Amino acid sequence: MFKKLVAIEPVSLIPSAEQKLHDYAKEVILFDDIPEDNKEIIHRIGDADAVLLSYTSSIDKEILDACPNIRYIGMCCSLYSPESANVDILTANAKNITVYGIRDYGDQGVVEYVISELIRYLHGFGKKQWKELPVEITDLKVGIVGLGTSGQMIAVALQAFGADVYYYSRTRKPEEEARDIKYLPLKDLLQTVDVVCTCLNKNVILFQEEQFEWLGNHKIMFNTSIGPSHDISALTKWLSHGDNEFFCDTAGALGDTGELLLHPHVNCMDVSSGRTKQAFDRLSEKVLNNIETYLKSDIELR
């Protein structure tokens, strides 16, 4: 059991999960606003031995050095790699601090977002329409860049509507290729498809001017990543052609909150499609499971 558990910011746990935290710590403190800086984070953590945070704050070496009692950090957000994490995991590990994150809790909402927005644009259900006549997803050539969990789910959903789906990934996925999701090198994929959907880890910027040149014009691009998968100036140049369309759910995925957000060919609701009721349920369950896993292993080591 922890002596003191602190959530340094809102972490999106459902009420029953918040209550469950009291089973894991003698004292539980949940802050309902985002700390302004490291000084405030250090103050909030104090002498806590367990810390929870979401994606809106970071815990770096300065904070870890200032809070020597920490032995567990629970990330209530996606953790794909130490390099993309908002916790300095290497420093934490060096201090024997365990860091657990979660994955795959909001993917269903992201899949629904892509299918919904694509259908609206192809059919002209909103104020825009891709071609002169409405177009079905049937036989539409779509490329998925980054075939992780969400990329696989998007690919399968598109196939259900009859799309011709291709993918590019750093590693080949034979099990997905067996489902007729066809692999192509990135250049070949971009020169083949009409729609590209990037499903990359945070901080992976793959699309520069060259990649947009490969993709060409009169094309559609979705970014479902947490952050931009593109260079901002390269995307702006591609959109300036006038017949290309870009879709993302949040300004973070666009990578810009200024003029580009208002661009006529940028479609950004600035609402996270993965933050659904069901996603919060899954997030809460995974966060609690991580805590239980840590406490169980901690007992076994003693």
Foldseek 3Di string as FASTA:
>chain_A
DWAEEEEQEDLLADPVLQVCVVVQYVYYYYDHHHDDDLVSSLVRCPAGQEYEYEQPAAAEPVSCVSHLNHQEYEYLYDDDDCVQDRYNVVNCVVSNHDYDYDDDLQLVLLLVVVVVVVQCQQCVVDPHHLDPHRDFLAQAEEEEEACDDSSVVNQVVSVVRHYQAEYEYPDDDVVVVVVNHHYDHLLVSLQPHQEYEYDDEPPAADAELVSLVSNDFSGEYEYEYQAANHDLVSVVVSCVVPRYAYEYAAVRNNHDDPDVCVDPRYHYVNDRSRPDPSSSVSSSVVSVVVSVVVVVVVVVVD
